[in-house]
């Protein structure tokens, strides 16, 4: 997998809205917690439309947080994938648990 510039439209929108000029890591981290709460609520309510919206909102906030942290979101995802792609483990109670834990 190699993401490159898939989220440039999100970065342009956020820049136009002043998120990068007036926002900071702390506000975006708190926004992510808020969106994660909405994600959990959508899962509990089994509301697919809200779930779709909440996942998208979380991704957008993460893109913004990466810019405010002087990181490229695609690089973050690619880096994480390189770490996990060959990971061995098993499913336990609905969660993938890597070997060695």
C-alpha atoms as a PDB file:
ATOM      1  CA  UNK A   1       0.000   0.000   0.000  1.00  0.00           C
ATOM      2  CA  UNK A   2       1.319   3.433  -0.850  1.00  0.00           C
ATOM      3  CA  UNK A   3      -0.885   6.451  -0.133  1.00  0.00           C
ATOM      4  CA  UNK A   4       0.513   9.673  -1.568  1.00  0.00           C
ATOM      5  CA  UNK A   5      -1.759  12.704  -1.888  1.00  0.00           C
ATOM      6  CA  UNK A   6      -5.218  11.267  -1.383  1.00  0.00           C
ATOM      7  CA  UNK A   7      -6.133  13.829   1.291  1.00  0.00           C
ATOM      8  CA  UNK A   8      -4.962  17.021  -0.409  1.00  0.00           C
ATOM      9  CA  UNK A   9      -8.569  18.214  -0.788  1.00  0.00           C
ATOM     10  CA  UNK A  10      -9.061  17.900   2.981  1.00  0.00           C
ATOM     11  CA  UNK A  11      -5.881  19.891   3.623  1.00  0.00           C
ATOM     12  CA  UNK A  12      -6.996  22.617   1.202  1.00  0.00           C
ATOM     13  CA  UNK A  13     -10.432  22.842   2.874  1.00  0.00           C
ATOM     14  CA  UNK A  14      -8.882  23.027   6.359  1.00  0.00           C
ATOM     15  CA  UNK A  15      -6.430  25.680   5.237  1.00  0.00           C
ATOM     16  CA  UNK A  16      -9.257  27.794   3.789  1.00  0.00           C
ATOM     17  CA  UNK A  17     -11.178  27.456   7.077  1.00  0.00           C
ATOM     18  CA  UNK A  18      -8.192  28.665   9.115  1.00  0.00           C
ATOM     19  CA  UNK A  19      -7.715  25.381  10.973  1.00  0.00           C
ATOM     20  CA  UNK A  20      -3.956  25.359  10.362  1.00  0.00           C
ATOM     21  CA  UNK A  21      -3.536  29.057  11.083  1.00  0.00           C
ATOM     22  CA  UNK A  22      -5.654  29.228  14.254  1.00  0.00           C
ATOM     23  CA  UNK A  23      -5.843  25.597  15.415  1.00  0.00           C
ATOM     24  CA  UNK A  24      -3.297  23.556  17.295  1.00  0.00           C
ATOM     25  CA  UNK A  25      -2.522  19.967  18.234  1.00  0.00           C
ATOM     26  CA  UNK A  26      -4.473  20.166  21.495  1.00  0.00           C
ATOM     27  CA  UNK A  27      -7.704  21.387  19.897  1.00  0.00           C
ATOM     28  CA  UNK A  28      -7.506  18.752  17.169  1.00  0.00           C
ATOM     29  CA  UNK A  29      -6.747  15.999  19.703  1.00  0.00           C
ATOM     30  CA  UNK A  30      -9.841  17.026  21.673  1.00  0.00           C
ATOM     31  CA  UNK A  31     -11.851  17.119  18.435  1.00  0.00           C
ATOM     32  CA  UNK A  32     -10.677  13.570  17.714  1.00  0.00           C
ATOM     33  CA  UNK A  33     -11.944  12.412  21.123  1.00  0.00           C
ATOM     34  CA  UNK A  34     -15.300  14.062  20.391  1.00  0.00           C
ATOM     35  CA  UNK A  35     -15.515  12.343  17.004  1.00  0.00           C
ATOM     36  CA  UNK A  36     -14.476   8.999  18.526  1.00  0.00           C
ATOM     37  CA  UNK A  37     -17.374   9.360  20.958  1.00  0.00           C
ATOM     38  CA  UNK A  38     -19.734   9.865  18.037  1.00  0.00           C
ATOM     39  CA  UNK A  39     -18.202   6.809  16.389  1.00  0.00           C
ATOM     40  CA  UNK A  40     -18.837   4.688  19.477  1.00  0.00           C
ATOM     41  CA  UNK A  41     -22.407   5.990  19.715  1.00  0.00           C
ATOM     42  CA  UNK A  42     -23.066   5.089  16.073  1.00  0.00           C
ATOM     43  CA  UNK A  43     -21.737   1.572  16.655  1.00  0.00           C
ATOM     44  CA  UNK A  44     -23.898   1.102  19.731  1.00  0.00           C
ATOM     45  CA  UNK A  45     -26.974   2.375  17.879  1.00  0.00           C
ATOM     46  CA  UNK A  46     -26.073   0.266  14.816  1.00  0.00           C
ATOM     47  CA  UNK A  47     -26.544   3.397  12.704  1.00  0.00           C
ATOM     48  CA  UNK A  48     -24.605   2.796   9.481  1.00  0.00           C
ATOM     49  CA  UNK A  49     -25.024   6.353   8.136  1.00  0.00           C
ATOM     50  CA  UNK A  50     -23.739   7.874  11.374  1.00  0.00           C
ATOM     51  CA  UNK A  51     -20.942   5.306  11.462  1.00  0.00           C
ATOM     52  CA  UNK A  52     -19.863   6.279   7.958  1.00  0.00           C
ATOM     53  CA  UNK A  53     -19.931   9.971   8.890  1.00  0.00           C
ATOM     54  CA  UNK A  54     -18.033   9.418  12.149  1.00  0.00           C
ATOM     55  CA  UNK A  55     -15.279   7.389  10.480  1.00  0.00           C
ATOM     56  CA  UNK A  56     -14.866  10.136   7.887  1.00  0.00           C
ATOM     57  CA  UNK A  57     -14.819  12.832  10.558  1.00  0.00           C
ATOM     58  CA  UNK A  58     -12.107  10.961  12.497  1.00  0.00           C
ATOM     59  CA  UNK A  59      -9.961  10.690   9.373  1.00  0.00           C
ATOM     60  CA  UNK A  60     -10.367  14.389   8.589  1.00  0.00           C
ATOM     61  CA  UNK A  61      -9.370  15.358  12.125  1.00  0.00           C
ATOM     62  CA  UNK A  62      -6.336  13.047  11.907  1.00  0.00           C
ATOM     63  CA  UNK A  63      -5.309  14.668   8.616  1.00  0.00           C
ATOM     64  CA  UNK A  64      -5.540  18.083  10.299  1.00  0.00           C
ATOM     65  CA  UNK A  65      -3.641  16.887  13.354  1.00  0.00           C
ATOM     66  CA  UNK A  66      -0.871  15.539  11.143  1.00  0.00           C
ATOM     67  CA  UNK A  67      -0.483  18.914   9.378  1.00  0.00           C
ATOM     68  CA  UNK A  68      -0.404  20.748  12.709  1.00  0.00           C
ATOM     69  CA  UNK A  69       2.287  18.275  13.818  1.00  0.00           C
ATOM     70  CA  UNK A  70       4.409  18.890  10.691  1.00  0.00           C
ATOM     71  CA  UNK A  71       3.684  15.359   9.468  1.00  0.00           C
ATOM     72  CA  UNK A  72       2.105  14.047   6.292  1.00  0.00           C
ATOM     73  CA  UNK A  73      -0.964  11.887   6.962  1.00  0.00           C
ATOM     74  CA  UNK A  74      -0.228   9.537   4.075  1.00  0.00           C
ATOM     75  CA  UNK A  75       3.321   9.022   5.390  1.00  0.00           C
ATOM     76  CA  UNK A  76       1.893   8.221   8.842  1.00  0.00           C
ATOM     77  CA  UNK A  77      -0.476   5.597   7.408  1.00  0.00           C
ATOM     78  CA  UNK A  78       2.224   4.120   5.156  1.00  0.00           C
ATOM     79  CA  UNK A  79       4.659   3.947   8.062  1.00  0.00           C
ATOM     80  CA  UNK A  80       2.130   2.236  10.326  1.00  0.00           C
ATOM     81  CA  UNK A  81       1.241  -0.236   7.602  1.00  0.00           C
ATOM     82  CA  UNK A  82       4.917  -1.126   7.081  1.00  0.00           C
ATOM     83  CA  UNK A  83       5.095  -1.993  10.788  1.00  0.00           C
ATOM     84  CA  UNK A  84       1.952  -4.159  10.841  1.00  0.00           C
ATOM     85  CA  UNK A  85       1.848  -5.764   7.397  1.00  0.00           C
ATOM     86  CA  UNK A  86       3.798  -8.866   8.406  1.00  0.00           C
ATOM     87  CA  UNK A  87       2.653  -8.979  12.000  1.00  0.00           C
ATOM     88  CA  UNK A  88       1.718 -12.406  13.323  1.00  0.00           C
ATOM     89  CA  UNK A  89      -0.965 -12.949  15.908  1.00  0.00           C
ATOM     90  CA  UNK A  90      -4.491 -14.152  16.471  1.00  0.00           C
ATOM     91  CA  UNK A  91      -8.001 -12.902  17.064  1.00  0.00           C
ATOM     92  CA  UNK A  92      -8.966 -12.904  20.741  1.00  0.00           C
ATOM     93  CA  UNK A  93     -12.366 -11.638  21.929  1.00  0.00           C
ATOM     94  CA  UNK A  94     -12.868  -9.718  18.696  1.00  0.00           C
ATOM     95  CA  UNK A  95      -9.437  -8.047  18.751  1.00  0.00           C
ATOM     96  CA  UNK A  96      -6.257  -8.929  16.836  1.00  0.00           C
ATOM     97  CA  UNK A  97      -3.520  -9.599  19.394  1.00  0.00           C
ATOM     98  CA  UNK A  98       0.010  -9.673  18.029  1.00  0.00           C
ATOM     99  CA  UNK A  99       2.354 -12.455  19.065  1.00  0.00           C
ATOM    100  CA  UNK A 100       4.544 -11.641  22.033  1.00  0.00           C
ATOM    101  CA  UNK A 101       1.938  -9.922  24.182  1.00  0.00           C
END
